[in-house]
Amino acid sequence: MIEKGMTPPPLPASEPRLKLRAVLGREGPTTPLSSDGALRRGVILTFLGLGLGLGYLVLQANVASLGDSAELAAVVGSAGAVVAILGLGNLVYWRVARPGVGLTAGDTSGPEIRADAVDGGNG
């Protein structure tokens, strides 16, 4: 474009992400993250974290036969915990951010709390 003597269009100044999209040549505004995307990421990350946790358990069980793999087991276990917590955070976000779904003042779909359970049954 510049080689032909044309001036490039000005970058949008409203949001940095829009600037990046304009520089990369992508048109249109960015879309916000959807709650369905959070569900997908949450499930994937949670099970990936559980898989890494399973790998940690396997490494711990075979530490004598594998030699010096205690450091590897610690890294795999730590990574599994972090990834699983990120996945659970996405699942919580999905549950909270679903449009039109949530607990309102008149919503009785939540867990039932009985009066005798609150005061310990001494009432």
PDB file of N, CA and C in Angstrom:
ATOM      1  N   MET A   1       0.826  -1.176   0.000  1.00  0.00           N
ATOM      2  CA  MET A   1       0.000   0.000   0.000  1.00  0.00           C
ATOM      3  C   MET A   1       0.880   1.252   0.000  1.00  0.00           C
ATOM      4  N   ILE A   2       1.879   1.305   0.867  1.00  0.00           N
ATOM      5  CA  ILE A   2       2.752   2.460   0.936  1.00  0.00           C
ATOM      6  C   ILE A   2       3.633   2.528  -0.309  1.00  0.00           C
ATOM      7  N   GLU A   3       4.000   1.361  -0.857  1.00  0.00           N
ATOM      8  CA  GLU A   3       4.844   1.336  -2.041  1.00  0.00           C
ATOM      9  C   GLU A   3       4.148   1.984  -3.240  1.00  0.00           C
ATOM     10  N   LYS A   4       2.812   1.939  -3.255  1.00  0.00           N
ATOM     11  CA  LYS A   4       2.050   2.499  -4.370  1.00  0.00           C
ATOM     12  C   LYS A   4       1.718   3.973  -4.160  1.00  0.00           C
ATOM     13  N   GLY A   5       2.159   4.544  -3.010  1.00  0.00           N
ATOM     14  CA  GLY A   5       1.909   5.955  -2.761  1.00  0.00           C
ATOM     15  C   GLY A   5       0.618   6.216  -2.020  1.00  0.00           C
ATOM     16  N   MET A   6      -0.049   5.188  -1.557  1.00  0.00           N
ATOM     17  CA  MET A   6      -1.299   5.368  -0.828  1.00  0.00           C
ATOM     18  C   MET A   6      -0.992   5.528   0.657  1.00  0.00           C
ATOM     19  N   THR A   7      -1.791   6.322   1.313  1.00  0.00           N
ATOM     20  CA  THR A   7      -1.615   6.473   2.760  1.00  0.00           C
ATOM     21  C   THR A   7      -2.501   5.454   3.463  1.00  0.00           C
ATOM     22  N   PRO A   8      -1.973   4.783   4.487  1.00  0.00           N
ATOM     23  CA  PRO A   8      -2.784   3.806   5.204  1.00  0.00           C
ATOM     24  C   PRO A   8      -3.863   4.502   6.026  1.00  0.00           C
ATOM     25  N   PRO A   9      -4.961   3.811   6.265  1.00  0.00           N
ATOM     26  CA  PRO A   9      -6.028   4.425   7.071  1.00  0.00           C
ATOM     27  C   PRO A   9      -5.545   4.611   8.509  1.00  0.00           C
ATOM     28  N   PRO A  10      -6.089   5.610   9.205  1.00  0.00           N
ATOM     29  CA  PRO A  10      -5.655   5.838  10.587  1.00  0.00           C
ATOM     30  C   PRO A  10      -6.112   4.697  11.495  1.00  0.00           C
ATOM     31  N   LEU A  11      -5.313   4.440  12.511  1.00  0.00           N
ATOM     32  CA  LEU A  11      -5.650   3.394  13.470  1.00  0.00           C
ATOM     33  C   LEU A  11      -6.751   3.886  14.399  1.00  0.00           C
ATOM     34  N   PRO A  12      -7.682   3.023  14.776  1.00  0.00           N
ATOM     35  CA  PRO A  12      -8.694   3.438  15.742  1.00  0.00           C
ATOM     36  C   PRO A  12      -8.027   3.681  17.095  1.00  0.00           C
ATOM     37  N   ALA A  13      -8.400   4.758  17.745  1.00  0.00           N
ATOM     38  CA  ALA A  13      -7.741   5.150  18.989  1.00  0.00           C
ATOM     39  C   ALA A  13      -8.529   4.751  20.223  1.00  0.00           C
ATOM     40  N   SER A  14      -9.629   4.054  20.050  1.00  0.00           N
ATOM     41  CA  SER A  14     -10.479   3.791  21.206  1.00  0.00           C
ATOM     42  C   SER A  14      -9.956   2.667  22.090  1.00  0.00           C
ATOM     43  N   GLU A  15      -9.476   1.606  21.524  1.00  0.00           N
ATOM     44  CA  GLU A  15      -9.088   0.449  22.318  1.00  0.00           C
ATOM     45  C   GLU A  15      -7.819  -0.173  21.742  1.00  0.00           C
ATOM     46  N   PRO A  16      -6.852  -0.546  22.614  1.00  0.00           N
ATOM     47  CA  PRO A  16      -5.606  -1.127  22.099  1.00  0.00           C
ATOM     48  C   PRO A  16      -5.827  -2.395  21.289  1.00  0.00           C
ATOM     49  N   ARG A  17      -6.820  -3.199  21.663  1.00  0.00           N
ATOM     50  CA  ARG A  17      -7.061  -4.435  20.934  1.00  0.00           C
ATOM     51  C   ARG A  17      -7.522  -4.143  19.505  1.00  0.00           C
ATOM     52  N   LEU A  18      -8.289  -3.054  19.337  1.00  0.00           N
ATOM     53  CA  LEU A  18      -8.713  -2.679  17.996  1.00  0.00           C
ATOM     54  C   LEU A  18      -7.517  -2.222  17.167  1.00  0.00           C
ATOM     55  N   LYS A  19      -6.557  -1.539  17.818  1.00  0.00           N
ATOM     56  CA  LYS A  19      -5.356  -1.130  17.108  1.00  0.00           C
ATOM     57  C   LYS A  19      -4.603  -2.358  16.602  1.00  0.00           C
ATOM     58  N   LEU A  20      -4.460  -3.352  17.459  1.00  0.00           N
ATOM     59  CA  LEU A  20      -3.752  -4.562  17.069  1.00  0.00           C
ATOM     60  C   LEU A  20      -4.469  -5.261  15.923  1.00  0.00           C
ATOM     61  N   ARG A  21      -5.795  -5.321  15.989  1.00  0.00           N
ATOM     62  CA  ARG A  21      -6.545  -5.951  14.912  1.00  0.00           C
ATOM     63  C   ARG A  21      -6.359  -5.185  13.605  1.00  0.00           C
ATOM     64  N   ALA A  22      -6.288  -3.842  13.679  1.00  0.00           N
ATOM     65  CA  ALA A  22      -6.094  -3.047  12.473  1.00  0.00           C
ATOM     66  C   ALA A  22      -4.696  -3.259  11.909  1.00  0.00           C
ATOM     67  N   VAL A  23      -3.705  -3.353  12.781  1.00  0.00           N
ATOM     68  CA  VAL A  23      -2.339  -3.584  12.320  1.00  0.00           C
ATOM     69  C   VAL A  23      -2.218  -4.954  11.664  1.00  0.00           C
ATOM     70  N   LEU A  24      -2.898  -5.948  12.241  1.00  0.00           N
ATOM     71  CA  LEU A  24      -2.839  -7.292  11.689  1.00  0.00           C
ATOM     72  C   LEU A  24      -3.708  -7.462  10.455  1.00  0.00           C
ATOM     73  N   GLY A  25      -4.526  -6.456  10.146  1.00  0.00           N
ATOM     74  CA  GLY A  25      -5.338  -6.522   8.944  1.00  0.00           C
ATOM     75  C   GLY A  25      -6.677  -7.195   9.140  1.00  0.00           C
ATOM     76  N   ARG A  26      -7.103  -7.349  10.369  1.00  0.00           N
ATOM     77  CA  ARG A  26      -8.408  -7.959  10.617  1.00  0.00           C
ATOM     78  C   ARG A  26      -9.437  -6.854  10.762  1.00  0.00           C
ATOM     79  N   GLU A  27     -10.559  -7.053  10.140  1.00  0.00           N
ATOM     80  CA  GLU A  27     -11.601  -6.031  10.137  1.00  0.00           C
ATOM     81  C   GLU A  27     -12.624  -6.317  11.221  1.00  0.00           C
ATOM     82  N   GLY A  28     -13.332  -5.285  11.610  1.00  0.00           N
ATOM     83  CA  GLY A  28     -14.443  -5.421  12.537  1.00  0.00           C
ATOM     84  C   GLY A  28     -14.014  -5.326  13.990  1.00  0.00           C
ATOM     85  N   PRO A  29     -14.978  -5.047  14.861  1.00  0.00           N
ATOM     86  CA  PRO A  29     -14.666  -4.936  16.283  1.00  0.00           C
ATOM     87  C   PRO A  29     -14.423  -6.305  16.901  1.00  0.00           C
ATOM     88  N   THR A  30     -13.741  -6.298  18.009  1.00  0.00           N
ATOM     89  CA  THR A  30     -13.502  -7.555  18.709  1.00  0.00           C
ATOM     90  C   THR A  30     -14.767  -7.976  19.434  1.00  0.00           C
ATOM     91  N   THR A  31     -14.943  -9.248  19.580  1.00  0.00           N
ATOM     92  CA  THR A  31     -16.096  -9.748  20.305  1.00  0.00           C
ATOM     93  C   THR A  31     -15.665 -10.102  21.722  1.00  0.00           C
ATOM     94  N   PRO A  32     -16.494  -9.816  22.700  1.00  0.00           N
ATOM     95  CA  PRO A  32     -16.130 -10.172  24.066  1.00  0.00           C
ATOM     96  C   PRO A  32     -16.136 -11.684  24.250  1.00  0.00           C
ATOM     97  N   LEU A  33     -15.439 -12.145  25.259  1.00  0.00           N
ATOM     98  CA  LEU A  33     -15.422 -13.573  25.536  1.00  0.00           C
ATOM     99  C   LEU A  33     -16.813 -14.034  25.940  1.00  0.00           C
ATOM    100  N   SER A  34     -17.248 -15.128  25.359  1.00  0.00           N
ATOM    101  CA  SER A  34     -18.583 -15.623  25.659  1.00  0.00           C
ATOM    102  C   SER A  34     -18.535 -16.586  26.837  1.00  0.00           C
ATOM    103  N   SER A  35     -19.671 -16.767  27.467  1.00  0.00           N
ATOM    104  CA  SER A  35     -19.720 -17.706  28.588  1.00  0.00           C
ATOM    105  C   SER A  35     -19.591 -19.143  28.085  1.00  0.00           C
ATOM    106  N   ASP A  36     -20.003 -19.402  26.838  1.00  0.00           N
ATOM    107  CA  ASP A  36     -19.810 -20.744  26.284  1.00  0.00           C
ATOM    108  C   ASP A  36     -18.332 -21.046  26.076  1.00  0.00           C
ATOM    109  N   GLY A  37     -17.568 -20.033  25.704  1.00  0.00           N
ATOM    110  CA  GLY A  37     -16.128 -20.204  25.583  1.00  0.00           C
ATOM    111  C   GLY A  37     -15.498 -20.493  26.932  1.00  0.00           C
ATOM    112  N   ALA A  38     -16.023 -19.863  27.978  1.00  0.00           N
ATOM    113  CA  ALA A  38     -15.514 -20.130  29.326  1.00  0.00           C
ATOM    114  C   ALA A  38     -15.817 -21.568  29.737  1.00  0.00           C
ATOM    115  N   LEU A  39     -16.973 -22.078  29.331  1.00  0.00           N
ATOM    116  CA  LEU A  39     -17.305 -23.474  29.637  1.00  0.00           C
ATOM    117  C   LEU A  39     -16.331 -24.414  28.931  1.00  0.00           C
ATOM    118  N   ARG A  40     -16.071 -24.139  27.647  1.00  0.00           N
ATOM    119  CA  ARG A  40     -15.144 -24.982  26.894  1.00  0.00           C
ATOM    120  C   ARG A  40     -13.742 -24.943  27.496  1.00  0.00           C
ATOM    121  N   ARG A  41     -13.243 -23.726  27.762  1.00  0.00           N
ATOM    122  CA  ARG A  41     -11.913 -23.604  28.370  1.00  0.00           C
ATOM    123  C   ARG A  41     -11.879 -24.236  29.751  1.00  0.00           C
ATOM    124  N   GLY A  42     -12.953 -24.079  30.522  1.00  0.00           N
ATOM    125  CA  GLY A  42     -12.986 -24.641  31.866  1.00  0.00           C
ATOM    126  C   GLY A  42     -12.915 -26.155  31.875  1.00  0.00           C
ATOM    127  N   VAL A  43     -13.672 -26.779  31.000  1.00  0.00           N
ATOM    128  CA  VAL A  43     -13.660 -28.245  30.940  1.00  0.00           C
ATOM    129  C   VAL A  43     -12.296 -28.744  30.465  1.00  0.00           C
ATOM    130  N   ILE A  44     -11.759 -28.104  29.427  1.00  0.00           N
ATOM    131  CA  ILE A  44     -10.470 -28.545  28.895  1.00  0.00           C
ATOM    132  C   ILE A  44      -9.374 -28.373  29.940  1.00  0.00           C
ATOM    133  N   LEU A  45      -9.301 -27.202  30.566  1.00  0.00           N
ATOM    134  CA  LEU A  45      -8.242 -26.954  31.542  1.00  0.00           C
ATOM    135  C   LEU A  45      -8.389 -27.828  32.781  1.00  0.00           C
ATOM    136  N   THR A  46      -9.625 -28.056  33.217  1.00  0.00           N
ATOM    137  CA  THR A  46      -9.818 -28.896  34.399  1.00  0.00           C
ATOM    138  C   THR A  46      -9.342 -30.312  34.140  1.00  0.00           C
ATOM    139  N   PHE A  47      -9.723 -30.879  33.023  1.00  0.00           N
ATOM    140  CA  PHE A  47      -9.301 -32.244  32.736  1.00  0.00           C
ATOM    141  C   PHE A  47      -7.811 -32.328  32.381  1.00  0.00           C
ATOM    142  N   LEU A  48      -7.260 -31.275  31.784  1.00  0.00           N
ATOM    143  CA  LEU A  48      -5.822 -31.250  31.556  1.00  0.00           C
ATOM    144  C   LEU A  48      -5.074 -31.219  32.886  1.00  0.00           C
ATOM    145  N   GLY A  49      -5.573 -30.431  33.843  1.00  0.00           N
ATOM    146  CA  GLY A  49      -4.972 -30.390  35.173  1.00  0.00           C
ATOM    147  C   GLY A  49      -5.091 -31.723  35.891  1.00  0.00           C
ATOM    148  N   LEU A  50      -6.246 -32.376  35.739  1.00  0.00           N
ATOM    149  CA  LEU A  50      -6.400 -33.709  36.345  1.00  0.00           C
ATOM    150  C   LEU A  50      -5.452 -34.713  35.704  1.00  0.00           C
ATOM    151  N   GLY A  51      -5.250 -34.605  34.402  1.00  0.00           N
ATOM    152  CA  GLY A  51      -4.314 -35.494  33.721  1.00  0.00           C
ATOM    153  C   GLY A  51      -2.884 -35.266  34.182  1.00  0.00           C
ATOM    154  N   LEU A  52      -2.505 -33.995  34.358  1.00  0.00           N
ATOM    155  CA  LEU A  52      -1.172 -33.714  34.885  1.00  0.00           C
ATOM    156  C   LEU A  52      -1.030 -34.203  36.317  1.00  0.00           C
ATOM    157  N   GLY A  53      -2.115 -34.098  37.090  1.00  0.00           N
ATOM    158  CA  GLY A  53      -2.083 -34.639  38.447  1.00  0.00           C
ATOM    159  C   GLY A  53      -1.919 -36.149  38.449  1.00  0.00           C
ATOM    160  N   LEU A  54      -2.547 -36.811  37.506  1.00  0.00           N
ATOM    161  CA  LEU A  54      -2.375 -38.260  37.370  1.00  0.00           C
ATOM    162  C   LEU A  54      -0.936 -38.586  36.967  1.00  0.00           C
ATOM    163  N   GLY A  55      -0.363 -37.765  36.089  1.00  0.00           N
ATOM    164  CA  GLY A  55       1.039 -37.944  35.729  1.00  0.00           C
ATOM    165  C   GLY A  55       1.956 -37.767  36.930  1.00  0.00           C
ATOM    166  N   TYR A  56       1.619 -36.819  37.800  1.00  0.00           N
ATOM    167  CA  TYR A  56       2.392 -36.629  39.031  1.00  0.00           C
ATOM    168  C   TYR A  56       2.337 -37.881  39.895  1.00  0.00           C
ATOM    169  N   LEU A  57       1.146 -38.456  40.036  1.00  0.00           N
ATOM    170  CA  LEU A  57       1.010 -39.661  40.859  1.00  0.00           C
ATOM    171  C   LEU A  57       1.799 -40.827  40.274  1.00  0.00           C
ATOM    172  N   VAL A  58       1.793 -40.949  38.953  1.00  0.00           N
ATOM    173  CA  VAL A  58       2.556 -42.024  38.303  1.00  0.00           C
ATOM    174  C   VAL A  58       4.047 -41.812  38.521  1.00  0.00           C
ATOM    175  N   LEU A  59       4.503 -40.572  38.390  1.00  0.00           N
ATOM    176  CA  LEU A  59       5.921 -40.296  38.611  1.00  0.00           C
ATOM    177  C   LEU A  59       6.320 -40.550  40.062  1.00  0.00           C
ATOM    178  N   GLN A  60       5.450 -40.195  40.995  1.00  0.00           N
ATOM    179  CA  GLN A  60       5.749 -40.438  42.409  1.00  0.00           C
ATOM    180  C   GLN A  60       5.800 -41.936  42.705  1.00  0.00           C
ATOM    181  N   ALA A  61       4.943 -42.715  42.066  1.00  0.00           N
ATOM    182  CA  ALA A  61       4.924 -44.155  42.313  1.00  0.00           C
ATOM    183  C   ALA A  61       6.158 -44.833  41.736  1.00  0.00           C
ATOM    184  N   ASN A  62       6.702 -44.294  40.652  1.00  0.00           N
ATOM    185  CA  ASN A  62       7.840 -44.910  39.970  1.00  0.00           C
ATOM    186  C   ASN A  62       9.137 -44.152  40.198  1.00  0.00           C
ATOM    187  N   VAL A  63       9.217 -43.354  41.256  1.00  0.00           N
ATOM    188  CA  VAL A  63      10.398 -42.525  41.466  1.00  0.00           C
ATOM    189  C   VAL A  63      11.645 -43.372  41.704  1.00  0.00           C
ATOM    190  N   ALA A  64      11.506 -44.543  42.306  1.00  0.00           N
ATOM    191  CA  ALA A  64      12.670 -45.390  42.558  1.00  0.00           C
ATOM    192  C   ALA A  64      13.213 -45.978  41.261  1.00  0.00           C
ATOM    193  N   SER A  65      12.329 -46.359  40.345  1.00  0.00           N
ATOM    194  CA  SER A  65      12.792 -46.985  39.111  1.00  0.00           C
ATOM    195  C   SER A  65      13.260 -45.969  38.074  1.00  0.00           C
ATOM    196  N   LEU A  66      12.768 -44.739  38.154  1.00  0.00           N
ATOM    197  CA  LEU A  66      13.140 -43.732  37.163  1.00  0.00           C
ATOM    198  C   LEU A  66      14.375 -42.933  37.554  1.00  0.00           C
ATOM    199  N   GLY A  67      14.846 -43.092  38.757  1.00  0.00           N
ATOM    200  CA  GLY A  67      16.029 -42.356  39.186  1.00  0.00           C
ATOM    201  C   GLY A  67      15.656 -40.997  39.744  1.00  0.00           C
ATOM    202  N   ASP A  68      16.309 -39.973  39.267  1.00  0.00           N
ATOM    203  CA  ASP A  68      16.136 -38.624  39.810  1.00  0.00           C
ATOM    204  C   ASP A  68      15.017 -37.891  39.074  1.00  0.00           C
ATOM    205  N   SER A  69      13.778 -38.294  39.306  1.00  0.00           N
ATOM    206  CA  SER A  69      12.643 -37.632  38.665  1.00  0.00           C
ATOM    207  C   SER A  69      11.789 -36.883  39.680  1.00  0.00           C
ATOM    208  N   ALA A  70      12.328 -36.635  40.858  1.00  0.00           N
ATOM    209  CA  ALA A  70      11.558 -35.914  41.871  1.00  0.00           C
ATOM    210  C   ALA A  70      11.282 -34.480  41.429  1.00  0.00           C
ATOM    211  N   GLU A  71      12.249 -33.856  40.771  1.00  0.00           N
ATOM    212  CA  GLU A  71      12.036 -32.494  40.293  1.00  0.00           C
ATOM    213  C   GLU A  71      10.986 -32.464  39.187  1.00  0.00           C
ATOM    214  N   LEU A  72      11.044 -33.436  38.303  1.00  0.00           N
ATOM    215  CA  LEU A  72      10.050 -33.515  37.236  1.00  0.00           C
ATOM    216  C   LEU A  72       8.657 -33.742  37.817  1.00  0.00           C
ATOM    217  N   ALA A  73       8.566 -34.601  38.815  1.00  0.00           N
ATOM    218  CA  ALA A  73       7.280 -34.862  39.458  1.00  0.00           C
ATOM    219  C   ALA A  73       6.745 -33.598  40.119  1.00  0.00           C
ATOM    220  N   ALA A  74       7.620 -32.824  40.750  1.00  0.00           N
ATOM    221  CA  ALA A  74       7.185 -31.583  41.388  1.00  0.00           C
ATOM    222  C   ALA A  74       6.682 -30.579  40.355  1.00  0.00           C
ATOM    223  N   VAL A  75       7.359 -30.479  39.233  1.00  0.00           N
ATOM    224  CA  VAL A  75       6.935 -29.551  38.183  1.00  0.00           C
ATOM    225  C   VAL A  75       5.603 -29.987  37.592  1.00  0.00           C
ATOM    226  N   VAL A  76       5.464 -31.277  37.317  1.00  0.00           N
ATOM    227  CA  VAL A  76       4.214 -31.786  36.742  1.00  0.00           C
ATOM    228  C   VAL A  76       3.071 -31.606  37.728  1.00  0.00           C
ATOM    229  N   GLY A  77       3.314 -31.892  39.009  1.00  0.00           N
ATOM    230  CA  GLY A  77       2.261 -31.729  40.011  1.00  0.00           C
ATOM    231  C   GLY A  77       1.858 -30.277  40.179  1.00  0.00           C
ATOM    232  N   SER A  78       2.827 -29.372  40.208  1.00  0.00           N
ATOM    233  CA  SER A  78       2.521 -27.945  40.349  1.00  0.00           C
ATOM    234  C   SER A  78       1.768 -27.426  39.129  1.00  0.00           C
ATOM    235  N   ALA A  79       2.217 -27.816  37.961  1.00  0.00           N
ATOM    236  CA  ALA A  79       1.538 -27.378  36.732  1.00  0.00           C
ATOM    237  C   ALA A  79       0.114 -27.922  36.690  1.00  0.00           C
ATOM    238  N   GLY A  80      -0.065 -29.158  37.124  1.00  0.00           N
ATOM    239  CA  GLY A  80      -1.405 -29.736  37.145  1.00  0.00           C
ATOM    240  C   GLY A  80      -2.331 -28.986  38.080  1.00  0.00           C
ATOM    241  N   ALA A  81      -1.814 -28.595  39.240  1.00  0.00           N
ATOM    242  CA  ALA A  81      -2.647 -27.850  40.184  1.00  0.00           C
ATOM    243  C   ALA A  81      -3.027 -26.484  39.622  1.00  0.00           C
ATOM    244  N   VAL A  82      -2.079 -25.786  39.021  1.00  0.00           N
ATOM    245  CA  VAL A  82      -2.359 -24.457  38.476  1.00  0.00           C
ATOM    246  C   VAL A  82      -3.359 -24.545  37.328  1.00  0.00           C
ATOM    247  N   VAL A  83      -3.163 -25.491  36.440  1.00  0.00           N
ATOM    248  CA  VAL A  83      -4.054 -25.636  35.275  1.00  0.00           C
ATOM    249  C   VAL A  83      -5.463 -26.021  35.735  1.00  0.00           C
ATOM    250  N   ALA A  84      -5.563 -26.927  36.706  1.00  0.00           N
ATOM    251  CA  ALA A  84      -6.880 -27.335  37.202  1.00  0.00           C
ATOM    252  C   ALA A  84      -7.599 -26.172  37.878  1.00  0.00           C
ATOM    253  N   ILE A  85      -6.877 -25.356  38.621  1.00  0.00           N
ATOM    254  CA  ILE A  85      -7.507 -24.204  39.280  1.00  0.00           C
ATOM    255  C   ILE A  85      -7.962 -23.183  38.245  1.00  0.00           C
ATOM    256  N   LEU A  86      -7.176 -22.976  37.191  1.00  0.00           N
ATOM    257  CA  LEU A  86      -7.622 -22.090  36.115  1.00  0.00           C
ATOM    258  C   LEU A  86      -8.892 -22.632  35.460  1.00  0.00           C
ATOM    259  N   GLY A  87      -8.946 -23.938  35.258  1.00  0.00           N
ATOM    260  CA  GLY A  87     -10.142 -24.541  34.682  1.00  0.00           C
ATOM    261  C   GLY A  87     -11.352 -24.386  35.573  1.00  0.00           C
ATOM    262  N   LEU A  88     -11.169 -24.584  36.866  1.00  0.00           N
ATOM    263  CA  LEU A  88     -12.287 -24.410  37.800  1.00  0.00           C
ATOM    264  C   LEU A  88     -12.741 -22.956  37.845  1.00  0.00           C
ATOM    265  N   GLY A  89     -11.782 -22.029  37.734  1.00  0.00           N
ATOM    266  CA  GLY A  89     -12.149 -20.614  37.680  1.00  0.00           C
ATOM    267  C   GLY A  89     -12.982 -20.295  36.447  1.00  0.00           C
ATOM    268  N   ASN A  90     -12.645 -20.878  35.313  1.00  0.00           N
ATOM    269  CA  ASN A  90     -13.451 -20.684  34.106  1.00  0.00           C
ATOM    270  C   ASN A  90     -14.840 -21.285  34.264  1.00  0.00           C
ATOM    271  N   LEU A  91     -14.931 -22.435  34.926  1.00  0.00           N
ATOM    272  CA  LEU A  91     -16.245 -23.036  35.147  1.00  0.00           C
ATOM    273  C   LEU A  91     -17.101 -22.183  36.080  1.00  0.00           C
ATOM    274  N   VAL A  92     -16.484 -21.605  37.095  1.00  0.00           N
ATOM    275  CA  VAL A  92     -17.225 -20.706  37.986  1.00  0.00           C
ATOM    276  C   VAL A  92     -17.677 -19.481  37.213  1.00  0.00           C
ATOM    277  N   TYR A  93     -16.791 -18.925  36.376  1.00  0.00           N
ATOM    278  CA  TYR A  93     -17.175 -17.779  35.550  1.00  0.00           C
ATOM    279  C   TYR A  93     -18.337 -18.131  34.631  1.00  0.00           C
ATOM    280  N   TRP A  94     -18.282 -19.303  34.032  1.00  0.00           N
ATOM    281  CA  TRP A  94     -19.368 -19.723  33.141  1.00  0.00           C
ATOM    282  C   TRP A  94     -20.684 -19.790  33.905  1.00  0.00           C
ATOM    283  N   ARG A  95     -20.642 -20.320  35.117  1.00  0.00           N
ATOM    284  CA  ARG A  95     -21.866 -20.454  35.907  1.00  0.00           C
ATOM    285  C   ARG A  95     -22.423 -19.092  36.288  1.00  0.00           C
ATOM    286  N   VAL A  96     -21.549 -18.153  36.604  1.00  0.00           N
ATOM    287  CA  VAL A  96     -21.992 -16.839  37.055  1.00  0.00           C
ATOM    288  C   VAL A  96     -22.403 -15.953  35.890  1.00  0.00           C
ATOM    289  N   ALA A  97     -21.712 -16.041  34.763  1.00  0.00           N
ATOM    290  CA  ALA A  97     -21.889 -15.082  33.676  1.00  0.00           C
ATOM    291  C   ALA A  97     -22.911 -15.492  32.630  1.00  0.00           C
ATOM    292  N   ARG A  98     -23.598 -16.591  32.822  1.00  0.00           N
ATOM    293  CA  ARG A  98     -24.583 -16.972  31.805  1.00  0.00           C
ATOM    294  C   ARG A  98     -25.684 -15.926  31.746  1.00  0.00           C
ATOM    295  N   PRO A  99     -25.995 -15.419  30.564  1.00  0.00           N
ATOM    296  CA  PRO A  99     -27.029 -14.387  30.474  1.00  0.00           C
ATOM    297  C   PRO A  99     -28.408 -14.965  30.747  1.00  0.00           C
ATOM    298  N   GLY A 100     -29.155 -14.259  31.553  1.00  0.00           N
ATOM    299  CA  GLY A 100     -30.516 -14.673  31.851  1.00  0.00           C
ATOM    300  C   GLY A 100     -30.622 -15.770  32.881  1.00  0.00           C
ATOM    301  N   VAL A 101     -29.530 -16.265  33.367  1.00  0.00           N
ATOM    302  CA  VAL A 101     -29.558 -17.329  34.354  1.00  0.00           C
ATOM    303  C   VAL A 101     -28.808 -16.833  35.568  1.00  0.00           C
ATOM    304  N   GLY A 102     -29.375 -17.025  36.705  1.00  0.00           N
ATOM    305  CA  GLY A 102     -28.730 -16.592  37.932  1.00  0.00           C
ATOM    306  C   GLY A 102     -29.741 -16.567  39.050  1.00  0.00           C
ATOM    307  N   LEU A 103     -29.276 -16.362  40.219  1.00  0.00           N
ATOM    308  CA  LEU A 103     -30.174 -16.316  41.356  1.00  0.00           C
ATOM    309  C   LEU A 103     -30.723 -14.915  41.506  1.00  0.00           C
ATOM    310  N   THR A 104     -32.031 -14.803  41.497  1.00  0.00           N
ATOM    311  CA  THR A 104     -32.696 -13.534  41.735  1.00  0.00           C
ATOM    312  C   THR A 104     -33.462 -13.628  43.040  1.00  0.00           C
ATOM    313  N   ALA A 105     -34.117 -12.551  43.421  1.00  0.00           N
ATOM    314  CA  ALA A 105     -34.807 -12.524  44.713  1.00  0.00           C
ATOM    315  C   ALA A 105     -35.920 -13.564  44.782  1.00  0.00           C
ATOM    316  N   GLY A 106     -36.601 -13.827  43.684  1.00  0.00           N
ATOM    317  CA  GLY A 106     -37.693 -14.777  43.703  1.00  0.00           C
ATOM    318  C   GLY A 106     -37.318 -16.170  43.245  1.00  0.00           C
ATOM    319  N   ASP A 107     -36.060 -16.404  42.993  1.00  0.00           N
ATOM    320  CA  ASP A 107     -35.610 -17.686  42.470  1.00  0.00           C
ATOM    321  C   ASP A 107     -35.516 -18.693  43.607  1.00  0.00           C
ATOM    322  N   THR A 108     -36.217 -19.810  43.455  1.00  0.00           N
ATOM    323  CA  THR A 108     -36.194 -20.850  44.484  1.00  0.00           C
ATOM    324  C   THR A 108     -35.512 -22.116  43.984  1.00  0.00           C
ATOM    325  N   SER A 109     -34.725 -21.987  42.904  1.00  0.00           N
ATOM    326  CA  SER A 109     -34.098 -23.181  42.346  1.00  0.00           C
ATOM    327  C   SER A 109     -32.814 -23.556  43.079  1.00  0.00           C
ATOM    328  N   GLY A 110     -32.371 -22.728  44.011  1.00  0.00           N
ATOM    329  CA  GLY A 110     -31.156 -23.014  44.764  1.00  0.00           C
ATOM    330  C   GLY A 110     -31.397 -24.081  45.814  1.00  0.00           C
ATOM    331  N   PRO A 111     -30.390 -24.388  46.617  1.00  0.00           N
ATOM    332  CA  PRO A 111     -30.553 -25.404  47.649  1.00  0.00           C
ATOM    333  C   PRO A 111     -31.530 -24.947  48.717  1.00  0.00           C
ATOM    334  N   GLU A 112     -32.285 -25.898  49.190  1.00  0.00           N
ATOM    335  CA  GLU A 112     -33.282 -25.595  50.210  1.00  0.00           C
ATOM    336  C   GLU A 112     -32.609 -25.528  51.577  1.00  0.00           C
ATOM    337  N   ILE A 113     -32.877 -24.454  52.312  1.00  0.00           N
ATOM    338  CA  ILE A 113     -32.328 -24.296  53.659  1.00  0.00           C
ATOM    339  C   ILE A 113     -33.497 -24.348  54.629  1.00  0.00           C
ATOM    340  N   ARG A 114     -33.469 -25.339  55.477  1.00  0.00           N
ATOM    341  CA  ARG A 114     -34.545 -25.494  56.463  1.00  0.00           C
ATOM    342  C   ARG A 114     -34.166 -24.757  57.732  1.00  0.00           C
ATOM    343  N   ALA A 115     -35.178 -24.317  58.477  1.00  0.00           N
ATOM    344  CA  ALA A 115     -34.934 -23.554  59.708  1.00  0.00           C
ATOM    345  C   ALA A 115     -34.253 -24.417  60.759  1.00  0.00           C
ATOM    346  N   ASP A 116     -34.610 -25.703  60.829  1.00  0.00           N
ATOM    347  CA  ASP A 116     -33.985 -26.553  61.838  1.00  0.00           C
ATOM    348  C   ASP A 116     -32.518 -26.842  61.496  1.00  0.00           C
ATOM    349  N   ALA A 117     -32.135 -26.734  60.210  1.00  0.00           N
ATOM    350  CA  ALA A 117     -30.738 -26.948  59.837  1.00  0.00           C
ATOM    351  C   ALA A 117     -29.898 -25.727  60.197  1.00  0.00           C
ATOM    352  N   VAL A 118     -30.514 -24.528  60.216  1.00  0.00           N
ATOM    353  CA  VAL A 118     -29.782 -23.317  60.504  1.00  0.00           C
ATOM    354  C   VAL A 118     -29.454 -23.221  61.987  1.00  0.00           C
ATOM    355  N   ASP A 119     -30.463 -23.482  62.848  1.00  0.00           N
ATOM    356  CA  ASP A 119     -30.216 -23.337  64.280  1.00  0.00           C
ATOM    357  C   ASP A 119     -29.782 -24.620  64.942  1.00  0.00           C
ATOM    358  N   GLY A 120     -29.420 -25.613  64.155  1.00  0.00           N
ATOM    359  CA  GLY A 120     -28.909 -26.857  64.724  1.00  0.00           C
ATOM    360  C   GLY A 120     -29.984 -27.779  65.249  1.00  0.00           C
ATOM    361  N   GLY A 121     -31.236 -27.505  64.946  1.00  0.00           N
ATOM    362  CA  GLY A 121     -32.322 -28.370  65.389  1.00  0.00           C
ATOM    363  C   GLY A 121     -32.734 -28.130  66.834  1.00  0.00           C
ATOM    364  N   ASN A 122     -32.314 -27.011  67.412  1.00  0.00           N
ATOM    365  CA  ASN A 122     -32.649 -26.723  68.811  1.00  0.00           C
ATOM    366  C   ASN A 122     -33.883 -25.846  68.913  1.00  0.00           C
ATOM    367  N   GLY A 123     -34.636 -25.698  67.885  1.00  0.00           N
ATOM    368  CA  GLY A 123     -35.722 -24.732  67.868  1.00  0.00           C
ATOM    369  C   GLY A 123     -37.002 -25.316  68.162  1.00  0.00           C
TER     370      GLY A 123
END
